[in-house]
């Protein structure tokens, strides 16, 4: 992560620890109307619990804000288990400047 990202008020970096190991984490990005969850990761055996904790913490930090994200493949099942619904495809734009 870039150092300036860590000092951006709209960005919160989460880390789940077991003893001195990081076993999961995510980045929360607060926008005007929603909070984005990105870069989620967790050890395989705790993925579901990590999503549950991530959603709970995001809700506590930003009460009432809709949570959004983009997941694909097997991760879509995990987020649906925790109350997320698919609303459409993701389009990524690239500018070659």
PDB file of N, CA and C in Angstrom:
ATOM      1  N   UNK A   1       0.841  -1.185   0.000  1.00  0.00           N
ATOM      2  CA  UNK A   1       0.000   0.000   0.000  1.00  0.00           C
ATOM      3  C   UNK A   1       0.880   1.239   0.000  1.00  0.00           C
ATOM      4  N   UNK A   2       0.448   2.219  -0.756  1.00  0.00           N
ATOM      5  CA  UNK A   2       1.172   3.488  -0.760  1.00  0.00           C
ATOM      6  C   UNK A   2       0.927   4.215   0.557  1.00  0.00           C
ATOM      7  N   UNK A   3       1.935   4.865   1.078  1.00  0.00           N
ATOM      8  CA  UNK A   3       1.844   5.555   2.364  1.00  0.00           C
ATOM      9  C   UNK A   3       0.764   6.630   2.359  1.00  0.00           C
ATOM     10  N   UNK A   4       0.600   7.357   1.249  1.00  0.00           N
ATOM     11  CA  UNK A   4      -0.412   8.416   1.209  1.00  0.00           C
ATOM     12  C   UNK A   4      -1.824   7.846   1.280  1.00  0.00           C
ATOM     13  N   UNK A   5      -2.009   6.623   0.850  1.00  0.00           N
ATOM     14  CA  UNK A   5      -3.313   5.976   0.967  1.00  0.00           C
ATOM     15  C   UNK A   5      -3.678   5.772   2.435  1.00  0.00           C
ATOM     16  N   UNK A   6      -2.703   5.420   3.236  1.00  0.00           N
ATOM     17  CA  UNK A   6      -2.945   5.181   4.655  1.00  0.00           C
ATOM     18  C   UNK A   6      -3.311   6.454   5.414  1.00  0.00           C
ATOM     19  N   UNK A   7      -2.958   7.599   4.896  1.00  0.00           N
ATOM     20  CA  UNK A   7      -3.292   8.858   5.562  1.00  0.00           C
ATOM     21  C   UNK A   7      -4.535   9.522   4.970  1.00  0.00           C
ATOM     22  N   UNK A   8      -5.175   8.877   4.011  1.00  0.00           N
ATOM     23  CA  UNK A   8      -6.397   9.409   3.400  1.00  0.00           C
ATOM     24  C   UNK A   8      -7.568   9.133   4.322  1.00  0.00           C
ATOM     25  N   UNK A   9      -8.287  10.183   4.695  1.00  0.00           N
ATOM     26  CA  UNK A   9      -9.373  10.048   5.673  1.00  0.00           C
ATOM     27  C   UNK A   9     -10.496   9.124   5.203  1.00  0.00           C
ATOM     28  N   UNK A  10     -10.722   9.035   3.911  1.00  0.00           N
ATOM     29  CA  UNK A  10     -11.814   8.212   3.390  1.00  0.00           C
ATOM     30  C   UNK A  10     -11.455   6.740   3.289  1.00  0.00           C
ATOM     31  N   UNK A  11     -10.219   6.374   3.600  1.00  0.00           N
ATOM     32  CA  UNK A  11      -9.760   4.987   3.463  1.00  0.00           C
ATOM     33  C   UNK A  11      -9.436   4.411   4.839  1.00  0.00           C
ATOM     34  N   UNK A  12      -9.958   3.210   5.095  1.00  0.00           N
ATOM     35  CA  UNK A  12      -9.660   2.482   6.322  1.00  0.00           C
ATOM     36  C   UNK A  12      -9.130   1.110   5.945  1.00  0.00           C
ATOM     37  N   UNK A  13      -7.964   0.764   6.434  1.00  0.00           N
ATOM     38  CA  UNK A  13      -7.369  -0.536   6.156  1.00  0.00           C
ATOM     39  C   UNK A  13      -7.612  -1.432   7.367  1.00  0.00           C
ATOM     40  N   UNK A  14      -8.198  -2.599   7.117  1.00  0.00           N
ATOM     41  CA  UNK A  14      -8.511  -3.556   8.182  1.00  0.00           C
ATOM     42  C   UNK A  14      -7.528  -4.721   8.136  1.00  0.00           C
ATOM     43  N   UNK A  15      -7.185  -5.239   9.290  1.00  0.00           N
ATOM     44  CA  UNK A  15      -6.344  -6.439   9.370  1.00  0.00           C
ATOM     45  C   UNK A  15      -6.851  -7.312  10.504  1.00  0.00           C
ATOM     46  N   UNK A  16      -6.986  -8.604  10.235  1.00  0.00           N
ATOM     47  CA  UNK A  16      -7.360  -9.582  11.260  1.00  0.00           C
ATOM     48  C   UNK A  16      -6.091 -10.296  11.695  1.00  0.00           C
ATOM     49  N   UNK A  17      -5.887 -10.347  12.998  1.00  0.00           N
ATOM     50  CA  UNK A  17      -4.671 -10.940  13.550  1.00  0.00           C
ATOM     51  C   UNK A  17      -4.997 -12.183  14.375  1.00  0.00           C
ATOM     52  N   UNK A  18      -4.131 -13.158  14.287  1.00  0.00           N
ATOM     53  CA  UNK A  18      -4.103 -14.284  15.218  1.00  0.00           C
ATOM     54  C   UNK A  18      -2.677 -14.319  15.727  1.00  0.00           C
ATOM     55  N   UNK A  19      -2.552 -14.066  17.019  1.00  0.00           N
ATOM     56  CA  UNK A  19      -1.230 -13.896  17.623  1.00  0.00           C
ATOM     57  C   UNK A  19      -0.507 -12.769  16.868  1.00  0.00           C
ATOM     58  N   UNK A  20       0.629 -13.056  16.262  1.00  0.00           N
ATOM     59  CA  UNK A  20       1.356 -11.993  15.560  1.00  0.00           C
ATOM     60  C   UNK A  20       1.254 -12.121  14.038  1.00  0.00           C
ATOM     61  N   UNK A  21       0.315 -12.949  13.565  1.00  0.00           N
ATOM     62  CA  UNK A  21       0.141 -13.147  12.121  1.00  0.00           C
ATOM     63  C   UNK A  21      -1.090 -12.415  11.622  1.00  0.00           C
ATOM     64  N   UNK A  22      -1.000 -11.805  10.452  1.00  0.00           N
ATOM     65  CA  UNK A  22      -2.179 -11.254   9.784  1.00  0.00           C
ATOM     66  C   UNK A  22      -2.805 -12.389   8.995  1.00  0.00           C
ATOM     67  N   UNK A  23      -4.083 -12.681   9.281  1.00  0.00           N
ATOM     68  CA  UNK A  23      -4.773 -13.805   8.645  1.00  0.00           C
ATOM     69  C   UNK A  23      -5.904 -13.350   7.725  1.00  0.00           C
ATOM     70  N   UNK A  24      -6.161 -12.058   7.690  1.00  0.00           N
ATOM     71  CA  UNK A  24      -7.202 -11.537   6.819  1.00  0.00           C
ATOM     72  C   UNK A  24      -7.163 -10.023   6.823  1.00  0.00           C
ATOM     73  N   UNK A  25      -7.890  -9.448   5.878  1.00  0.00           N
ATOM     74  CA  UNK A  25      -7.943  -7.994   5.827  1.00  0.00           C
ATOM     75  C   UNK A  25      -8.779  -7.511   4.669  1.00  0.00           C
ATOM     76  N   UNK A  26      -8.957  -6.205   4.622  1.00  0.00           N
ATOM     77  CA  UNK A  26      -9.716  -5.565   3.550  1.00  0.00           C
ATOM     78  C   UNK A  26      -9.441  -4.072   3.602  1.00  0.00           C
ATOM     79  N   UNK A  27      -9.857  -3.388   2.558  1.00  0.00           N
ATOM     80  CA  UNK A  27      -9.780  -1.931   2.510  1.00  0.00           C
ATOM     81  C   UNK A  27     -11.194  -1.399   2.386  1.00  0.00           C
ATOM     82  N   UNK A  28     -11.548  -0.445   3.256  1.00  0.00           N
ATOM     83  CA  UNK A  28     -12.839   0.240   3.182  1.00  0.00           C
ATOM     84  C   UNK A  28     -12.591   1.612   2.587  1.00  0.00           C
ATOM     85  N   UNK A  29     -13.407   1.999   1.614  1.00  0.00           N
ATOM     86  CA  UNK A  29     -13.270   3.288   0.951  1.00  0.00           C
ATOM     87  C   UNK A  29     -14.604   4.010   1.037  1.00  0.00           C
ATOM     88  N   UNK A  30     -14.670   5.040   1.873  1.00  0.00           N
ATOM     89  CA  UNK A  30     -15.914   5.772   2.090  1.00  0.00           C
ATOM     90  C   UNK A  30     -16.119   6.796   0.980  1.00  0.00           C
ATOM     91  N   UNK A  31     -17.251   6.665   0.284  1.00  0.00           N
ATOM     92  CA  UNK A  31     -17.644   7.632  -0.724  1.00  0.00           C
ATOM     93  C   UNK A  31     -18.798   8.466  -0.203  1.00  0.00           C
ATOM     94  N   UNK A  32     -19.352   9.298  -1.053  1.00  0.00           N
ATOM     95  CA  UNK A  32     -20.444  10.181  -0.646  1.00  0.00           C
ATOM     96  C   UNK A  32     -21.705   9.411  -0.281  1.00  0.00           C
ATOM     97  N   UNK A  33     -21.932   8.269  -0.951  1.00  0.00           N
ATOM     98  CA  UNK A  33     -23.193   7.565  -0.752  1.00  0.00           C
ATOM     99  C   UNK A  33     -23.045   6.121  -0.288  1.00  0.00           C
ATOM    100  N   UNK A  34     -21.818   5.611  -0.244  1.00  0.00           N
ATOM    101  CA  UNK A  34     -21.629   4.200   0.106  1.00  0.00           C
ATOM    102  C   UNK A  34     -20.197   3.978   0.575  1.00  0.00           C
ATOM    103  N   UNK A  35     -19.978   2.793   1.134  1.00  0.00           N
ATOM    104  CA  UNK A  35     -18.643   2.370   1.548  1.00  0.00           C
ATOM    105  C   UNK A  35     -18.270   1.158   0.704  1.00  0.00           C
ATOM    106  N   UNK A  36     -17.168   1.268  -0.017  1.00  0.00           N
ATOM    107  CA  UNK A  36     -16.682   0.163  -0.831  1.00  0.00           C
ATOM    108  C   UNK A  36     -15.776  -0.745  -0.029  1.00  0.00           C
ATOM    109  N   UNK A  37     -15.943  -2.037  -0.212  1.00  0.00           N
ATOM    110  CA  UNK A  37     -15.053  -3.032   0.381  1.00  0.00           C
ATOM    111  C   UNK A  37     -14.231  -3.623  -0.755  1.00  0.00           C
ATOM    112  N   UNK A  38     -12.915  -3.532  -0.644  1.00  0.00           N
ATOM    113  CA  UNK A  38     -12.057  -4.081  -1.688  1.00  0.00           C
ATOM    114  C   UNK A  38     -10.859  -4.774  -1.067  1.00  0.00           C
ATOM    115  N   UNK A  39     -10.122  -5.454  -1.905  1.00  0.00           N
ATOM    116  CA  UNK A  39      -8.890  -6.115  -1.501  1.00  0.00           C
ATOM    117  C   UNK A  39      -9.079  -7.056  -0.308  1.00  0.00           C
ATOM    118  N   UNK A  40     -10.270  -7.631  -0.187  1.00  0.00           N
ATOM    119  CA  UNK A  40     -10.541  -8.573   0.892  1.00  0.00           C
ATOM    120  C   UNK A  40      -9.683  -9.819   0.707  1.00  0.00           C
ATOM    121  N   UNK A  41      -9.132 -10.302   1.811  1.00  0.00           N
ATOM    122  CA  UNK A  41      -8.427 -11.591   1.793  1.00  0.00           C
ATOM    123  C   UNK A  41      -8.551 -12.233   3.160  1.00  0.00           C
ATOM    124  N   UNK A  42      -8.481 -13.542   3.184  1.00  0.00           N
ATOM    125  CA  UNK A  42      -8.506 -14.287   4.442  1.00  0.00           C
ATOM    126  C   UNK A  42      -7.977 -15.687   4.183  1.00  0.00           C
ATOM    127  N   UNK A  43      -7.427 -16.277   5.227  1.00  0.00           N
ATOM    128  CA  UNK A  43      -7.018 -17.668   5.114  1.00  0.00           C
ATOM    129  C   UNK A  43      -8.253 -18.515   4.827  1.00  0.00           C
ATOM    130  N   UNK A  44      -8.097 -19.564   4.043  1.00  0.00           N
ATOM    131  CA  UNK A  44      -9.216 -20.375   3.569  1.00  0.00           C
ATOM    132  C   UNK A  44     -10.167 -20.829   4.672  1.00  0.00           C
ATOM    133  N   UNK A  45      -9.644 -21.264   5.790  1.00  0.00           N
ATOM    134  CA  UNK A  45     -10.493 -21.824   6.842  1.00  0.00           C
ATOM    135  C   UNK A  45     -11.327 -20.778   7.583  1.00  0.00           C
ATOM    136  N   UNK A  46     -11.008 -19.500   7.410  1.00  0.00           N
ATOM    137  CA  UNK A  46     -11.742 -18.455   8.135  1.00  0.00           C
ATOM    138  C   UNK A  46     -12.380 -17.427   7.205  1.00  0.00           C
ATOM    139  N   UNK A  47     -12.537 -17.768   5.933  1.00  0.00           N
ATOM    140  CA  UNK A  47     -13.082 -16.800   4.979  1.00  0.00           C
ATOM    141  C   UNK A  47     -14.470 -16.326   5.377  1.00  0.00           C
ATOM    142  N   UNK A  48     -15.367 -17.220   5.714  1.00  0.00           N
ATOM    143  CA  UNK A  48     -16.727 -16.825   6.065  1.00  0.00           C
ATOM    144  C   UNK A  48     -16.746 -15.947   7.312  1.00  0.00           C
ATOM    145  N   UNK A  49     -16.028 -16.353   8.344  1.00  0.00           N
ATOM    146  CA  UNK A  49     -15.975 -15.565   9.572  1.00  0.00           C
ATOM    147  C   UNK A  49     -15.324 -14.207   9.330  1.00  0.00           C
ATOM    148  N   UNK A  50     -14.351 -14.168   8.428  1.00  0.00           N
ATOM    149  CA  UNK A  50     -13.686 -12.907   8.117  1.00  0.00           C
ATOM    150  C   UNK A  50     -14.622 -11.950   7.389  1.00  0.00           C
ATOM    151  N   UNK A  51     -15.430 -12.479   6.462  1.00  0.00           N
ATOM    152  CA  UNK A  51     -16.430 -11.624   5.811  1.00  0.00           C
ATOM    153  C   UNK A  51     -17.417 -11.091   6.840  1.00  0.00           C
ATOM    154  N   UNK A  52     -17.847 -11.954   7.729  1.00  0.00           N
ATOM    155  CA  UNK A  52     -18.797 -11.541   8.769  1.00  0.00           C
ATOM    156  C   UNK A  52     -18.189 -10.422   9.619  1.00  0.00           C
ATOM    157  N   UNK A  53     -16.955 -10.567  10.021  1.00  0.00           N
ATOM    158  CA  UNK A  53     -16.287  -9.543  10.814  1.00  0.00           C
ATOM    159  C   UNK A  53     -16.071  -8.260  10.044  1.00  0.00           C
ATOM    160  N   UNK A  54     -15.717  -8.375   8.777  1.00  0.00           N
ATOM    161  CA  UNK A  54     -15.507  -7.200   7.926  1.00  0.00           C
ATOM    162  C   UNK A  54     -16.799  -6.402   7.779  1.00  0.00           C
ATOM    163  N   UNK A  55     -17.890  -7.088   7.504  1.00  0.00           N
ATOM    164  CA  UNK A  55     -19.190  -6.424   7.354  1.00  0.00           C
ATOM    165  C   UNK A  55     -19.623  -5.782   8.669  1.00  0.00           C
ATOM    166  N   UNK A  56     -19.441  -6.480   9.775  1.00  0.00           N
ATOM    167  CA  UNK A  56     -19.817  -5.932  11.083  1.00  0.00           C
ATOM    168  C   UNK A  56     -18.999  -4.691  11.423  1.00  0.00           C
ATOM    169  N   UNK A  57     -17.698  -4.745  11.178  1.00  0.00           N
ATOM    170  CA  UNK A  57     -16.847  -3.602  11.486  1.00  0.00           C
ATOM    171  C   UNK A  57     -17.151  -2.425  10.562  1.00  0.00           C
ATOM    172  N   UNK A  58     -17.370  -2.690   9.281  1.00  0.00           N
ATOM    173  CA  UNK A  58     -17.729  -1.615   8.349  1.00  0.00           C
ATOM    174  C   UNK A  58     -19.040  -0.955   8.781  1.00  0.00           C
ATOM    175  N   UNK A  59     -20.006  -1.762   9.215  1.00  0.00           N
ATOM    176  CA  UNK A  59     -21.274  -1.223   9.690  1.00  0.00           C
ATOM    177  C   UNK A  59     -21.121  -0.395  10.954  1.00  0.00           C
ATOM    178  N   UNK A  60     -20.219  -0.804  11.828  1.00  0.00           N
ATOM    179  CA  UNK A  60     -19.977  -0.044  13.063  1.00  0.00           C
ATOM    180  C   UNK A  60     -19.240   1.262  12.779  1.00  0.00           C
ATOM    181  N   UNK A  61     -18.292   1.230  11.849  1.00  0.00           N
ATOM    182  CA  UNK A  61     -17.527   2.435  11.520  1.00  0.00           C
ATOM    183  C   UNK A  61     -18.349   3.444  10.718  1.00  0.00           C
ATOM    184  N   UNK A  62     -19.251   2.932   9.874  1.00  0.00           N
ATOM    185  CA  UNK A  62     -20.038   3.784   8.977  1.00  0.00           C
ATOM    186  C   UNK A  62     -21.507   3.387   9.067  1.00  0.00           C
ATOM    187  N   UNK A  63     -22.148   3.651  10.214  1.00  0.00           N
ATOM    188  CA  UNK A  63     -23.533   3.201  10.421  1.00  0.00           C
ATOM    189  C   UNK A  63     -24.487   3.756   9.362  1.00  0.00           C
ATOM    190  N   UNK A  64     -25.312   2.856   8.840  1.00  0.00           N
ATOM    191  CA  UNK A  64     -26.336   3.238   7.878  1.00  0.00           C
ATOM    192  C   UNK A  64     -25.861   3.364   6.445  1.00  0.00           C
ATOM    193  N   UNK A  65     -24.561   3.341   6.203  1.00  0.00           N
ATOM    194  CA  UNK A  65     -24.049   3.470   4.837  1.00  0.00           C
ATOM    195  C   UNK A  65     -24.172   2.133   4.107  1.00  0.00           C
ATOM    196  N   UNK A  66     -24.657   2.150   2.869  1.00  0.00           N
ATOM    197  CA  UNK A  66     -24.674   0.911   2.085  1.00  0.00           C
ATOM    198  C   UNK A  66     -23.240   0.425   1.858  1.00  0.00           C
ATOM    199  N   UNK A  67     -23.055  -0.881   1.882  1.00  0.00           N
ATOM    200  CA  UNK A  67     -21.757  -1.482   1.612  1.00  0.00           C
ATOM    201  C   UNK A  67     -21.770  -2.050   0.209  1.00  0.00           C
ATOM    202  N   UNK A  68     -20.727  -1.778  -0.559  1.00  0.00           N
ATOM    203  CA  UNK A  68     -20.637  -2.262  -1.929  1.00  0.00           C
ATOM    204  C   UNK A  68     -19.283  -2.908  -2.156  1.00  0.00           C
ATOM    205  N   UNK A  69     -19.192  -3.730  -3.164  1.00  0.00           N
ATOM    206  CA  UNK A  69     -17.932  -4.364  -3.507  1.00  0.00           C
ATOM    207  C   UNK A  69     -18.050  -5.036  -4.857  1.00  0.00           C
ATOM    208  N   UNK A  70     -16.998  -5.649  -5.251  1.00  0.00           N
ATOM    209  CA  UNK A  70     -16.993  -6.402  -6.492  1.00  0.00           C
ATOM    210  C   UNK A  70     -16.262  -7.709  -6.241  1.00  0.00           C
ATOM    211  N   UNK A  71     -16.954  -8.779  -6.403  1.00  0.00           N
ATOM    212  CA  UNK A  71     -16.360 -10.097  -6.211  1.00  0.00           C
ATOM    213  C   UNK A  71     -16.693 -10.954  -7.421  1.00  0.00           C
ATOM    214  N   UNK A  72     -15.854 -11.926  -7.683  1.00  0.00           N
ATOM    215  CA  UNK A  72     -16.102 -12.832  -8.796  1.00  0.00           C
ATOM    216  C   UNK A  72     -15.762 -14.248  -8.370  1.00  0.00           C
ATOM    217  N   UNK A  73     -16.158 -15.184  -9.194  1.00  0.00           N
ATOM    218  CA  UNK A  73     -15.836 -16.577  -8.932  1.00  0.00           C
ATOM    219  C   UNK A  73     -16.416 -17.081  -7.620  1.00  0.00           C
ATOM    220  N   UNK A  74     -15.632 -17.876  -6.902  1.00  0.00           N
ATOM    221  CA  UNK A  74     -16.083 -18.486  -5.653  1.00  0.00           C
ATOM    222  C   UNK A  74     -16.392 -17.450  -4.578  1.00  0.00           C
ATOM    223  N   UNK A  75     -15.761 -16.288  -4.641  1.00  0.00           N
ATOM    224  CA  UNK A  75     -15.988 -15.250  -3.629  1.00  0.00           C
ATOM    225  C   UNK A  75     -17.413 -14.705  -3.671  1.00  0.00           C
ATOM    226  N   UNK A  76     -18.086 -14.825  -4.815  1.00  0.00           N
ATOM    227  CA  UNK A  76     -19.475 -14.341  -4.894  1.00  0.00           C
ATOM    228  C   UNK A  76     -20.371 -15.084  -3.923  1.00  0.00           C
ATOM    229  N   UNK A  77     -20.150 -16.367  -3.747  1.00  0.00           N
ATOM    230  CA  UNK A  77     -20.952 -17.137  -2.800  1.00  0.00           C
ATOM    231  C   UNK A  77     -20.743 -16.669  -1.378  1.00  0.00           C
ATOM    232  N   UNK A  78     -19.513 -16.338  -1.035  1.00  0.00           N
ATOM    233  CA  UNK A  78     -19.212 -15.877   0.325  1.00  0.00           C
ATOM    234  C   UNK A  78     -19.918 -14.568   0.627  1.00  0.00           C
ATOM    235  N   UNK A  79     -19.894 -13.627  -0.297  1.00  0.00           N
ATOM    236  CA  UNK A  79     -20.525 -12.336  -0.008  1.00  0.00           C
ATOM    237  C   UNK A  79     -22.049 -12.445   0.006  1.00  0.00           C
ATOM    238  N   UNK A  80     -22.600 -13.300  -0.819  1.00  0.00           N
ATOM    239  CA  UNK A  80     -24.057 -13.499  -0.796  1.00  0.00           C
ATOM    240  C   UNK A  80     -24.511 -14.081   0.535  1.00  0.00           C
ATOM    241  N   UNK A  81     -23.694 -14.938   1.116  1.00  0.00           N
ATOM    242  CA  UNK A  81     -23.999 -15.512   2.422  1.00  0.00           C
ATOM    243  C   UNK A  81     -24.123 -14.429   3.483  1.00  0.00           C
ATOM    244  N   UNK A  82     -23.440 -13.322   3.284  1.00  0.00           N
ATOM    245  CA  UNK A  82     -23.417 -12.243   4.275  1.00  0.00           C
ATOM    246  C   UNK A  82     -24.281 -11.045   3.860  1.00  0.00           C
ATOM    247  N   UNK A  83     -25.292 -11.313   3.037  1.00  0.00           N
ATOM    248  CA  UNK A  83     -26.308 -10.299   2.763  1.00  0.00           C
ATOM    249  C   UNK A  83     -26.111  -9.436   1.539  1.00  0.00           C
ATOM    250  N   UNK A  84     -25.106  -9.691   0.737  1.00  0.00           N
ATOM    251  CA  UNK A  84     -24.891  -8.898  -0.472  1.00  0.00           C
ATOM    252  C   UNK A  84     -25.687  -9.482  -1.628  1.00  0.00           C
ATOM    253  N   UNK A  85     -26.161  -8.619  -2.521  1.00  0.00           N
ATOM    254  CA  UNK A  85     -26.868  -9.033  -3.727  1.00  0.00           C
ATOM    255  C   UNK A  85     -26.139  -8.489  -4.946  1.00  0.00           C
ATOM    256  N   UNK A  86     -26.109  -9.269  -6.016  1.00  0.00           N
ATOM    257  CA  UNK A  86     -25.532  -8.800  -7.272  1.00  0.00           C
ATOM    258  C   UNK A  86     -26.490  -7.791  -7.905  1.00  0.00           C
ATOM    259  N   UNK A  87     -25.948  -6.671  -8.355  1.00  0.00           N
ATOM    260  CA  UNK A  87     -26.793  -5.644  -8.976  1.00  0.00           C
ATOM    261  C   UNK A  87     -26.430  -5.384 -10.431  1.00  0.00           C
ATOM    262  N   UNK A  88     -25.339  -5.944 -10.908  1.00  0.00           N
ATOM    263  CA  UNK A  88     -24.984  -5.765 -12.308  1.00  0.00           C
ATOM    264  C   UNK A  88     -23.520  -6.085 -12.542  1.00  0.00           C
ATOM    265  N   UNK A  89     -23.117  -6.041 -13.812  1.00  0.00           N
ATOM    266  CA  UNK A  89     -21.725  -6.339 -14.156  1.00  0.00           C
ATOM    267  C   UNK A  89     -20.817  -5.150 -13.816  1.00  0.00           C
ATOM    268  N   UNK A  90     -19.548  -5.439 -13.698  1.00  0.00           N
ATOM    269  CA  UNK A  90     -18.549  -4.408 -13.434  1.00  0.00           C
ATOM    270  C   UNK A  90     -17.841  -4.089 -14.741  1.00  0.00           C
ATOM    271  N   UNK A  91     -17.711  -2.821 -15.025  1.00  0.00           N
ATOM    272  CA  UNK A  91     -16.958  -2.388 -16.213  1.00  0.00           C
ATOM    273  C   UNK A  91     -15.734  -1.630 -15.729  1.00  0.00           C
ATOM    274  N   UNK A  92     -14.573  -1.999 -16.223  1.00  0.00           N
ATOM    275  CA  UNK A  92     -13.326  -1.353 -15.853  1.00  0.00           C
ATOM    276  C   UNK A  92     -12.830  -0.554 -17.046  1.00  0.00           C
ATOM    277  N   UNK A  93     -12.511   0.710 -16.816  1.00  0.00           N
ATOM    278  CA  UNK A  93     -12.040   1.609 -17.867  1.00  0.00           C
ATOM    279  C   UNK A  93     -10.561   1.892 -17.657  1.00  0.00           C
ATOM    280  N   UNK A  94      -9.810   1.926 -18.751  1.00  0.00           N
ATOM    281  CA  UNK A  94      -8.378   2.210 -18.691  1.00  0.00           C
ATOM    282  C   UNK A  94      -8.079   3.394 -19.599  1.00  0.00           C
ATOM    283  N   UNK A  95      -7.313   4.324 -19.084  1.00  0.00           N
ATOM    284  CA  UNK A  95      -6.878   5.472 -19.887  1.00  0.00           C
ATOM    285  C   UNK A  95      -5.395   5.338 -20.149  1.00  0.00           C
ATOM    286  N   UNK A  96      -5.020   5.262 -21.398  1.00  0.00           N
ATOM    287  CA  UNK A  96      -3.611   5.177 -21.776  1.00  0.00           C
ATOM    288  C   UNK A  96      -3.119   6.592 -22.043  1.00  0.00           C
ATOM    289  N   UNK A  97      -2.555   7.242 -21.032  1.00  0.00           N
ATOM    290  CA  UNK A  97      -2.183   8.647 -21.168  1.00  0.00           C
ATOM    291  C   UNK A  97      -0.781   8.862 -21.352  1.00  0.00           C
TER     292      UNK A  97
END
